Amino acid sequence: MCWSCNPICGGCRPPRKRPVKCPECGAFNAVDLERGGRKLCVKCEADLTELATPKPKVCRYCGEICYNPCRKADQDPPGGEIGRCQVRVREPL
């Protein structure tokens, strides 16, 4: 368990920001996933929406689709029984 939450980490809960390298200018951006709308590069204003949008996957921890999976999605649940995830993202971002 962490001492403080890094918004990009995604270890114990879905990440709130996603690091994206702009294909136009090469700048690194920490794109906020919680805000809706288009996601633009801070340097050249290229559209990064497609690159920043996380891919949904079936979470192995809870057995349901998560639209912004954390690292628990790739781990087997403790005890081998599917658990209930309190932080699962139920709708597309």
PDB file of N, CA and C in Angstrom:
ATOM      1  N   MET A   1       0.837  -1.187   0.000  1.00  0.00           N
ATOM      2  CA  MET A   1       0.000   0.000   0.000  1.00  0.00           C
ATOM      3  C   MET A   1       0.877   1.245   0.000  1.00  0.00           C
ATOM      4  N   CYS A   2       0.483   2.249  -0.738  1.00  0.00           N
ATOM      5  CA  CYS A   2       1.263   3.484  -0.859  1.00  0.00           C
ATOM      6  C   CYS A   2       1.055   4.397   0.347  1.00  0.00           C
ATOM      7  N   TRP A   3       1.991   5.283   0.525  1.00  0.00           N
ATOM      8  CA  TRP A   3       1.837   6.328   1.554  1.00  0.00           C
ATOM      9  C   TRP A   3       0.998   7.472   1.020  1.00  0.00           C
ATOM     10  N   SER A   4       1.115   7.747  -0.265  1.00  0.00           N
ATOM     11  CA  SER A   4       0.305   8.795  -0.884  1.00  0.00           C
ATOM     12  C   SER A   4      -0.061   8.346  -2.295  1.00  0.00           C
ATOM     13  N   CYS A   5      -1.153   8.853  -2.785  1.00  0.00           N
ATOM     14  CA  CYS A   5      -1.644   8.417  -4.086  1.00  0.00           C
ATOM     15  C   CYS A   5      -1.051   9.256  -5.205  1.00  0.00           C
ATOM     16  N   ASN A   6      -0.455   8.584  -6.184  1.00  0.00           N
ATOM     17  CA  ASN A   6       0.040   9.229  -7.393  1.00  0.00           C
ATOM     18  C   ASN A   6      -1.082   9.134  -8.429  1.00  0.00           C
ATOM     19  N   PRO A   7      -1.547  10.249  -8.994  1.00  0.00           N
ATOM     20  CA  PRO A   7      -2.680  10.198  -9.929  1.00  0.00           C
ATOM     21  C   PRO A   7      -2.408   9.431 -11.215  1.00  0.00           C
ATOM     22  N   ILE A   8      -1.139   9.088 -11.483  1.00  0.00           N
ATOM     23  CA  ILE A   8      -0.795   8.355 -12.705  1.00  0.00           C
ATOM     24  C   ILE A   8      -0.534   6.878 -12.421  1.00  0.00           C
ATOM     25  N   CYS A   9      -0.314   6.504 -11.168  1.00  0.00           N
ATOM     26  CA  CYS A   9       0.130   5.159 -10.804  1.00  0.00           C
ATOM     27  C   CYS A   9      -0.820   4.047 -11.253  1.00  0.00           C
ATOM     28  N   GLY A  10      -2.026   4.016 -10.743  1.00  0.00           N
ATOM     29  CA  GLY A  10      -2.986   2.978 -11.109  1.00  0.00           C
ATOM     30  C   GLY A  10      -2.753   1.646 -10.431  1.00  0.00           C
ATOM     31  N   GLY A  11      -1.974   1.621  -9.342  1.00  0.00           N
ATOM     32  CA  GLY A  11      -1.696   0.362  -8.660  1.00  0.00           C
ATOM     33  C   GLY A  11      -2.872  -0.178  -7.882  1.00  0.00           C
ATOM     34  N   CYS A  12      -3.511   0.656  -7.100  1.00  0.00           N
ATOM     35  CA  CYS A  12      -4.595   0.172  -6.235  1.00  0.00           C
ATOM     36  C   CYS A  12      -5.961   0.727  -6.621  1.00  0.00           C
ATOM     37  N   ARG A  13      -6.003   1.702  -7.491  1.00  0.00           N
ATOM     38  CA  ARG A  13      -7.277   2.247  -7.975  1.00  0.00           C
ATOM     39  C   ARG A  13      -7.057   2.769  -9.386  1.00  0.00           C
ATOM     40  N   PRO A  14      -8.112   2.991 -10.150  1.00  0.00           N
ATOM     41  CA  PRO A  14      -7.915   3.481 -11.520  1.00  0.00           C
ATOM     42  C   PRO A  14      -7.173   4.813 -11.527  1.00  0.00           C
ATOM     43  N   PRO A  15      -6.232   4.987 -12.449  1.00  0.00           N
ATOM     44  CA  PRO A  15      -5.493   6.240 -12.518  1.00  0.00           C
ATOM     45  C   PRO A  15      -6.392   7.393 -12.942  1.00  0.00           C
ATOM     46  N   ARG A  16      -6.166   8.570 -12.347  1.00  0.00           N
ATOM     47  CA  ARG A  16      -6.940   9.757 -12.705  1.00  0.00           C
ATOM     48  C   ARG A  16      -6.301  10.498 -13.873  1.00  0.00           C
ATOM     49  N   LYS A  17      -4.999  10.271 -14.069  1.00  0.00           N
ATOM     50  CA  LYS A  17      -4.301  10.897 -15.191  1.00  0.00           C
ATOM     51  C   LYS A  17      -3.538   9.830 -15.949  1.00  0.00           C
ATOM     52  N   ARG A  18      -3.317  10.094 -17.222  1.00  0.00           N
ATOM     53  CA  ARG A  18      -2.602   9.130 -18.054  1.00  0.00           C
ATOM     54  C   ARG A  18      -1.461   9.836 -18.781  1.00  0.00           C
ATOM     55  N   PRO A  19      -0.237   9.283 -18.686  1.00  0.00           N
ATOM     56  CA  PRO A  19       0.872   9.903 -19.411  1.00  0.00           C
ATOM     57  C   PRO A  19       0.793   9.572 -20.898  1.00  0.00           C
ATOM     58  N   VAL A  20       0.858  10.596 -21.736  1.00  0.00           N
ATOM     59  CA  VAL A  20       0.753  10.412 -23.180  1.00  0.00           C
ATOM     60  C   VAL A  20       1.825  11.249 -23.864  1.00  0.00           C
ATOM     61  N   LYS A  21       2.542  10.630 -24.798  1.00  0.00           N
ATOM     62  CA  LYS A  21       3.523  11.361 -25.607  1.00  0.00           C
ATOM     63  C   LYS A  21       2.828  11.808 -26.885  1.00  0.00           C
ATOM     64  N   CYS A  22       2.901  13.097 -27.154  1.00  0.00           N
ATOM     65  CA  CYS A  22       2.252  13.670 -28.334  1.00  0.00           C
ATOM     66  C   CYS A  22       2.964  13.187 -29.601  1.00  0.00           C
ATOM     67  N   PRO A  23       2.212  12.637 -30.560  1.00  0.00           N
ATOM     68  CA  PRO A  23       2.841  12.179 -31.802  1.00  0.00           C
ATOM     69  C   PRO A  23       3.289  13.332 -32.705  1.00  0.00           C
ATOM     70  N   GLU A  24       2.743  14.517 -32.502  1.00  0.00           N
ATOM     71  CA  GLU A  24       3.081  15.681 -33.336  1.00  0.00           C
ATOM     72  C   GLU A  24       4.393  16.335 -32.910  1.00  0.00           C
ATOM     73  N   CYS A  25       4.509  16.684 -31.610  1.00  0.00           N
ATOM     74  CA  CYS A  25       5.671  17.452 -31.148  1.00  0.00           C
ATOM     75  C   CYS A  25       6.567  16.672 -30.192  1.00  0.00           C
ATOM     76  N   GLY A  26       6.116  15.512 -29.688  1.00  0.00           N
ATOM     77  CA  GLY A  26       6.926  14.700 -28.795  1.00  0.00           C
ATOM     78  C   GLY A  26       6.852  15.087 -27.333  1.00  0.00           C
ATOM     79  N   ALA A  27       6.026  16.063 -26.979  1.00  0.00           N
ATOM     80  CA  ALA A  27       5.895  16.500 -25.583  1.00  0.00           C
ATOM     81  C   ALA A  27       5.124  15.454 -24.781  1.00  0.00           C
ATOM     82  N   PHE A  28       5.513  15.285 -23.513  1.00  0.00           N
ATOM     83  CA  PHE A  28       4.786  14.393 -22.624  1.00  0.00           C
ATOM     84  C   PHE A  28       3.680  15.172 -21.929  1.00  0.00           C
ATOM     85  N   ASN A  29       2.500  14.573 -21.857  1.00  0.00           N
ATOM     86  CA  ASN A  29       1.330  15.210 -21.248  1.00  0.00           C
ATOM     87  C   ASN A  29       0.756  14.280 -20.191  1.00  0.00           C
ATOM     88  N   ALA A  30       0.329  14.843 -19.071  1.00  0.00           N
ATOM     89  CA  ALA A  30      -0.414  14.099 -18.058  1.00  0.00           C
ATOM     90  C   ALA A  30      -1.881  14.448 -18.283  1.00  0.00           C
ATOM     91  N   VAL A  31      -2.570  13.611 -19.036  1.00  0.00           N
ATOM     92  CA  VAL A  31      -3.944  13.894 -19.467  1.00  0.00           C
ATOM     93  C   VAL A  31      -4.917  13.515 -18.361  1.00  0.00           C
ATOM     94  N   ASP A  32      -5.793  14.452 -17.995  1.00  0.00           N
ATOM     95  CA  ASP A  32      -6.793  14.236 -16.948  1.00  0.00           C
ATOM     96  C   ASP A  32      -7.935  13.399 -17.513  1.00  0.00           C
ATOM     97  N   LEU A  33      -8.126  12.199 -16.972  1.00  0.00           N
ATOM     98  CA  LEU A  33      -9.168  11.297 -17.464  1.00  0.00           C
ATOM     99  C   LEU A  33     -10.540  11.611 -16.884  1.00  0.00           C
ATOM    100  N   GLU A  34     -10.595  12.378 -15.807  1.00  0.00           N
ATOM    101  CA  GLU A  34     -11.872  12.653 -15.157  1.00  0.00           C
ATOM    102  C   GLU A  34     -12.678  13.724 -15.878  1.00  0.00           C
ATOM    103  N   ARG A  35     -12.016  14.615 -16.592  1.00  0.00           N
ATOM    104  CA  ARG A  35     -12.732  15.641 -17.336  1.00  0.00           C
ATOM    105  C   ARG A  35     -13.188  15.091 -18.670  1.00  0.00           C
ATOM    106  N   GLY A  36     -14.386  15.444 -19.077  1.00  0.00           N
ATOM    107  CA  GLY A  36     -14.883  14.999 -20.374  1.00  0.00           C
ATOM    108  C   GLY A  36     -14.332  15.873 -21.490  1.00  0.00           C
ATOM    109  N   GLY A  37     -14.747  15.598 -22.688  1.00  0.00           N
ATOM    110  CA  GLY A  37     -14.336  16.397 -23.835  1.00  0.00           C
ATOM    111  C   GLY A  37     -13.026  15.946 -24.433  1.00  0.00           C
ATOM    112  N   ARG A  38     -12.528  16.749 -25.355  1.00  0.00           N
ATOM    113  CA  ARG A  38     -11.276  16.426 -26.042  1.00  0.00           C
ATOM    114  C   ARG A  38     -10.093  16.648 -25.122  1.00  0.00           C
ATOM    115  N   LYS A  39      -9.056  15.856 -25.332  1.00  0.00           N
ATOM    116  CA  LYS A  39      -7.824  15.992 -24.578  1.00  0.00           C
ATOM    117  C   LYS A  39      -6.759  16.510 -25.528  1.00  0.00           C
ATOM    118  N   LEU A  40      -6.205  17.683 -25.239  1.00  0.00           N
ATOM    119  CA  LEU A  40      -5.280  18.345 -26.144  1.00  0.00           C
ATOM    120  C   LEU A  40      -3.875  18.405 -25.561  1.00  0.00           C
ATOM    121  N   CYS A  41      -2.874  18.406 -26.434  1.00  0.00           N
ATOM    122  CA  CYS A  41      -1.479  18.565 -26.045  1.00  0.00           C
ATOM    123  C   CYS A  41      -1.281  19.978 -25.495  1.00  0.00           C
ATOM    124  N   VAL A  42      -0.522  20.089 -24.408  1.00  0.00           N
ATOM    125  CA  VAL A  42      -0.295  21.397 -23.801  1.00  0.00           C
ATOM    126  C   VAL A  42       0.657  22.263 -24.635  1.00  0.00           C
ATOM    127  N   LYS A  43       1.451  21.651 -25.496  1.00  0.00           N
ATOM    128  CA  LYS A  43       2.424  22.405 -26.288  1.00  0.00           C
ATOM    129  C   LYS A  43       1.884  22.803 -27.655  1.00  0.00           C
ATOM    130  N   CYS A  44       1.363  21.827 -28.421  1.00  0.00           N
ATOM    131  CA  CYS A  44       0.941  22.121 -29.800  1.00  0.00           C
ATOM    132  C   CYS A  44      -0.570  22.005 -30.003  1.00  0.00           C
ATOM    133  N   GLU A  45      -1.305  21.632 -28.964  1.00  0.00           N
ATOM    134  CA  GLU A  45      -2.767  21.489 -28.991  1.00  0.00           C
ATOM    135  C   GLU A  45      -3.267  20.419 -29.958  1.00  0.00           C
ATOM    136  N   ALA A  46      -2.455  19.399 -30.208  1.00  0.00           N
ATOM    137  CA  ALA A  46      -2.910  18.260 -31.008  1.00  0.00           C
ATOM    138  C   ALA A  46      -3.913  17.452 -30.186  1.00  0.00           C
ATOM    139  N   ASP A  47      -4.831  16.804 -30.856  1.00  0.00           N
ATOM    140  CA  ASP A  47      -5.857  16.008 -30.178  1.00  0.00           C
ATOM    141  C   ASP A  47      -5.266  14.674 -29.709  1.00  0.00           C
ATOM    142  N   LEU A  48      -5.263  14.441 -28.397  1.00  0.00           N
ATOM    143  CA  LEU A  48      -4.721  13.214 -27.803  1.00  0.00           C
ATOM    144  C   LEU A  48      -5.813  12.306 -27.251  1.00  0.00           C
ATOM    145  N   THR A  49      -7.061  12.584 -27.584  1.00  0.00           N
ATOM    146  CA  THR A  49      -8.187  11.859 -27.005  1.00  0.00           C
ATOM    147  C   THR A  49      -8.083  10.354 -27.219  1.00  0.00           C
ATOM    148  N   GLU A  50      -7.777   9.929 -28.436  1.00  0.00           N
ATOM    149  CA  GLU A  50      -7.706   8.489 -28.728  1.00  0.00           C
ATOM    150  C   GLU A  50      -6.560   7.815 -27.979  1.00  0.00           C
ATOM    151  N   LEU A  51      -5.408   8.472 -27.920  1.00  0.00           N
ATOM    152  CA  LEU A  51      -4.259   7.906 -27.212  1.00  0.00           C
ATOM    153  C   LEU A  51      -4.477   7.868 -25.697  1.00  0.00           C
ATOM    154  N   ALA A  52      -5.203   8.853 -25.155  1.00  0.00           N
ATOM    155  CA  ALA A  52      -5.382   8.960 -23.708  1.00  0.00           C
ATOM    156  C   ALA A  52      -6.520   8.093 -23.179  1.00  0.00           C
ATOM    157  N   THR A  53      -7.446   7.699 -24.028  1.00  0.00           N
ATOM    158  CA  THR A  53      -8.595   6.925 -23.570  1.00  0.00           C
ATOM    159  C   THR A  53      -8.175   5.493 -23.246  1.00  0.00           C
ATOM    160  N   PRO A  54      -8.350   5.060 -21.987  1.00  0.00           N
ATOM    161  CA  PRO A  54      -7.951   3.701 -21.619  1.00  0.00           C
ATOM    162  C   PRO A  54      -8.834   2.660 -22.296  1.00  0.00           C
ATOM    163  N   LYS A  55      -8.248   1.500 -22.554  1.00  0.00           N
ATOM    164  CA  LYS A  55      -8.987   0.400 -23.179  1.00  0.00           C
ATOM    165  C   LYS A  55      -9.708  -0.393 -22.096  1.00  0.00           C
ATOM    166  N   PRO A  56     -11.021  -0.628 -22.260  1.00  0.00           N
ATOM    167  CA  PRO A  56     -11.744  -1.420 -21.267  1.00  0.00           C
ATOM    168  C   PRO A  56     -11.279  -2.874 -21.273  1.00  0.00           C
ATOM    169  N   LYS A  57     -11.356  -3.514 -20.119  1.00  0.00           N
ATOM    170  CA  LYS A  57     -10.980  -4.926 -20.031  1.00  0.00           C
ATOM    171  C   LYS A  57     -11.789  -5.592 -18.939  1.00  0.00           C
ATOM    172  N   VAL A  58     -11.877  -6.910 -19.041  1.00  0.00           N
ATOM    173  CA  VAL A  58     -12.559  -7.685 -18.002  1.00  0.00           C
ATOM    174  C   VAL A  58     -11.588  -7.829 -16.839  1.00  0.00           C
ATOM    175  N   CYS A  59     -11.995  -7.348 -15.701  1.00  0.00           N
ATOM    176  CA  CYS A  59     -11.173  -7.378 -14.499  1.00  0.00           C
ATOM    177  C   CYS A  59     -11.175  -8.790 -13.903  1.00  0.00           C
ATOM    178  N   ARG A  60      -9.993  -9.350 -13.680  1.00  0.00           N
ATOM    179  CA  ARG A  60      -9.904 -10.684 -13.090  1.00  0.00           C
ATOM    180  C   ARG A  60     -10.247 -10.656 -11.601  1.00  0.00           C
ATOM    181  N   TYR A  61     -10.152  -9.502 -10.976  1.00  0.00           N
ATOM    182  CA  TYR A  61     -10.438  -9.363  -9.547  1.00  0.00           C
ATOM    183  C   TYR A  61     -11.944  -9.467  -9.266  1.00  0.00           C
ATOM    184  N   CYS A  62     -12.756  -8.781 -10.112  1.00  0.00           N
ATOM    185  CA  CYS A  62     -14.205  -8.790  -9.866  1.00  0.00           C
ATOM    186  C   CYS A  62     -14.998  -9.489 -10.967  1.00  0.00           C
ATOM    187  N   GLY A  63     -14.375  -9.821 -12.108  1.00  0.00           N
ATOM    188  CA  GLY A  63     -15.053 -10.542 -13.174  1.00  0.00           C
ATOM    189  C   GLY A  63     -15.964  -9.691 -14.032  1.00  0.00           C
ATOM    190  N   GLU A  64     -15.874  -8.355 -13.940  1.00  0.00           N
ATOM    191  CA  GLU A  64     -16.721  -7.459 -14.712  1.00  0.00           C
ATOM    192  C   GLU A  64     -15.859  -6.531 -15.558  1.00  0.00           C
ATOM    193  N   ILE A  65     -16.478  -5.869 -16.541  1.00  0.00           N
ATOM    194  CA  ILE A  65     -15.748  -4.946 -17.397  1.00  0.00           C
ATOM    195  C   ILE A  65     -15.459  -3.657 -16.631  1.00  0.00           C
ATOM    196  N   CYS A  66     -14.213  -3.191 -16.733  1.00  0.00           N
ATOM    197  CA  CYS A  66     -13.819  -1.913 -16.147  1.00  0.00           C
ATOM    198  C   CYS A  66     -13.330  -1.030 -17.289  1.00  0.00           C
ATOM    199  N   TYR A  67     -13.797   0.204 -17.312  1.00  0.00           N
ATOM    200  CA  TYR A  67     -13.457   1.115 -18.402  1.00  0.00           C
ATOM    201  C   TYR A  67     -12.194   1.926 -18.134  1.00  0.00           C
ATOM    202  N   ASN A  68     -11.638   1.846 -16.940  1.00  0.00           N
ATOM    203  CA  ASN A  68     -10.346   2.455 -16.616  1.00  0.00           C
ATOM    204  C   ASN A  68      -9.654   1.533 -15.616  1.00  0.00           C
ATOM    205  N   PRO A  69      -9.136   0.393 -16.090  1.00  0.00           N
ATOM    206  CA  PRO A  69      -8.637  -0.631 -15.172  1.00  0.00           C
ATOM    207  C   PRO A  69      -7.362  -0.230 -14.434  1.00  0.00           C
ATOM    208  N   CYS A  70      -7.293  -0.644 -13.169  1.00  0.00           N
ATOM    209  CA  CYS A  70      -6.070  -0.488 -12.382  1.00  0.00           C
ATOM    210  C   CYS A  70      -5.258  -1.777 -12.521  1.00  0.00           C
ATOM    211  N   ARG A  71      -4.149  -1.871 -11.811  1.00  0.00           N
ATOM    212  CA  ARG A  71      -3.316  -3.073 -11.931  1.00  0.00           C
ATOM    213  C   ARG A  71      -3.956  -4.297 -11.284  1.00  0.00           C
ATOM    214  N   LYS A  72      -4.971  -4.108 -10.433  1.00  0.00           N
ATOM    215  CA  LYS A  72      -5.667  -5.257  -9.843  1.00  0.00           C
ATOM    216  C   LYS A  72      -6.430  -6.048 -10.903  1.00  0.00           C
ATOM    217  N   ALA A  73      -6.710  -5.430 -12.053  1.00  0.00           N
ATOM    218  CA  ALA A  73      -7.458  -6.102 -13.114  1.00  0.00           C
ATOM    219  C   ALA A  73      -6.699  -7.287 -13.685  1.00  0.00           C
ATOM    220  N   ASP A  74      -5.373  -7.291 -13.554  1.00  0.00           N
ATOM    221  CA  ASP A  74      -4.546  -8.370 -14.085  1.00  0.00           C
ATOM    222  C   ASP A  74      -4.168  -9.409 -13.035  1.00  0.00           C
ATOM    223  N   GLN A  75      -4.611  -9.217 -11.804  1.00  0.00           N
ATOM    224  CA  GLN A  75      -4.255 -10.129 -10.714  1.00  0.00           C
ATOM    225  C   GLN A  75      -5.429 -11.016 -10.347  1.00  0.00           C
ATOM    226  N   ASP A  76      -5.121 -12.233  -9.936  1.00  0.00           N
ATOM    227  CA  ASP A  76      -6.169 -13.112  -9.434  1.00  0.00           C
ATOM    228  C   ASP A  76      -6.619 -12.610  -8.067  1.00  0.00           C
ATOM    229  N   PRO A  77      -7.899 -12.749  -7.758  1.00  0.00           N
ATOM    230  CA  PRO A  77      -8.390 -12.285  -6.456  1.00  0.00           C
ATOM    231  C   PRO A  77      -7.794 -13.116  -5.320  1.00  0.00           C
ATOM    232  N   PRO A  78      -7.661 -12.509  -4.140  1.00  0.00           N
ATOM    233  CA  PRO A  78      -7.129 -13.263  -3.003  1.00  0.00           C
ATOM    234  C   PRO A  78      -8.065 -14.409  -2.630  1.00  0.00           C
ATOM    235  N   GLY A  79      -7.503 -15.577  -2.398  1.00  0.00           N
ATOM    236  CA  GLY A  79      -8.315 -16.745  -2.065  1.00  0.00           C
ATOM    237  C   GLY A  79      -8.927 -17.421  -3.274  1.00  0.00           C
ATOM    238  N   GLY A  80      -8.731 -16.865  -4.481  1.00  0.00           N
ATOM    239  CA  GLY A  80      -9.249 -17.474  -5.694  1.00  0.00           C
ATOM    240  C   GLY A  80     -10.711 -17.198  -5.977  1.00  0.00           C
ATOM    241  N   GLU A  81     -11.407 -16.508  -5.078  1.00  0.00           N
ATOM    242  CA  GLU A  81     -12.830 -16.197  -5.295  1.00  0.00           C
ATOM    243  C   GLU A  81     -12.965 -14.782  -5.818  1.00  0.00           C
ATOM    244  N   ILE A  82     -13.842 -14.610  -6.812  1.00  0.00           N
ATOM    245  CA  ILE A  82     -14.084 -13.286  -7.364  1.00  0.00           C
ATOM    246  C   ILE A  82     -14.669 -12.405  -6.285  1.00  0.00           C
ATOM    247  N   GLY A  83     -14.060 -11.213  -6.136  1.00  0.00           N
ATOM    248  CA  GLY A  83     -14.506 -10.279  -5.107  1.00  0.00           C
ATOM    249  C   GLY A  83     -15.300  -9.140  -5.699  1.00  0.00           C
ATOM    250  N   ARG A  84     -15.595  -8.198  -4.857  1.00  0.00           N
ATOM    251  CA  ARG A  84     -16.324  -7.012  -5.292  1.00  0.00           C
ATOM    252  C   ARG A  84     -15.346  -5.846  -5.304  1.00  0.00           C
ATOM    253  N   CYS A  85     -15.287  -5.137  -6.411  1.00  0.00           N
ATOM    254  CA  CYS A  85     -14.365  -4.017  -6.558  1.00  0.00           C
ATOM    255  C   CYS A  85     -15.104  -2.717  -6.257  1.00  0.00           C
ATOM    256  N   GLN A  86     -14.582  -1.958  -5.305  1.00  0.00           N
ATOM    257  CA  GLN A  86     -15.209  -0.706  -4.913  1.00  0.00           C
ATOM    258  C   GLN A  86     -14.854   0.461  -5.845  1.00  0.00           C
ATOM    259  N   VAL A  87     -13.809   0.280  -6.669  1.00  0.00           N
ATOM    260  CA  VAL A  87     -13.326   1.397  -7.486  1.00  0.00           C
ATOM    261  C   VAL A  87     -13.504   1.161  -8.988  1.00  0.00           C
ATOM    262  N   ARG A  88     -14.237   0.150  -9.377  1.00  0.00           N
ATOM    263  CA  ARG A  88     -14.428  -0.159 -10.799  1.00  0.00           C
ATOM    264  C   ARG A  88     -15.152   0.990 -11.510  1.00  0.00           C
ATOM    265  N   VAL A  89     -14.682   1.337 -12.713  1.00  0.00           N
ATOM    266  CA  VAL A  89     -15.302   2.375 -13.519  1.00  0.00           C
ATOM    267  C   VAL A  89     -16.344   1.691 -14.396  1.00  0.00           C
ATOM    268  N   ARG A  90     -17.599   2.045 -14.178  1.00  0.00           N
ATOM    269  CA  ARG A  90     -18.711   1.334 -14.813  1.00  0.00           C
ATOM    270  C   ARG A  90     -19.138   1.904 -16.160  1.00  0.00           C
ATOM    271  N   GLU A  91     -18.719   3.133 -16.476  1.00  0.00           N
ATOM    272  CA  GLU A  91     -19.131   3.766 -17.725  1.00  0.00           C
ATOM    273  C   GLU A  91     -17.899   4.214 -18.499  1.00  0.00           C
ATOM    274  N   PRO A  92     -17.985   4.273 -19.827  1.00  0.00           N
ATOM    275  CA  PRO A  92     -16.843   4.771 -20.613  1.00  0.00           C
ATOM    276  C   PRO A  92     -16.494   6.200 -20.215  1.00  0.00           C
ATOM    277  N   LEU A  93     -15.198   6.498 -20.232  1.00  0.00           N
ATOM    278  CA  LEU A  93     -14.743   7.852 -19.902  1.00  0.00           C
ATOM    279  C   LEU A  93     -14.943   8.784 -21.058  1.00  0.00           C
TER     280      LEU A  93
END
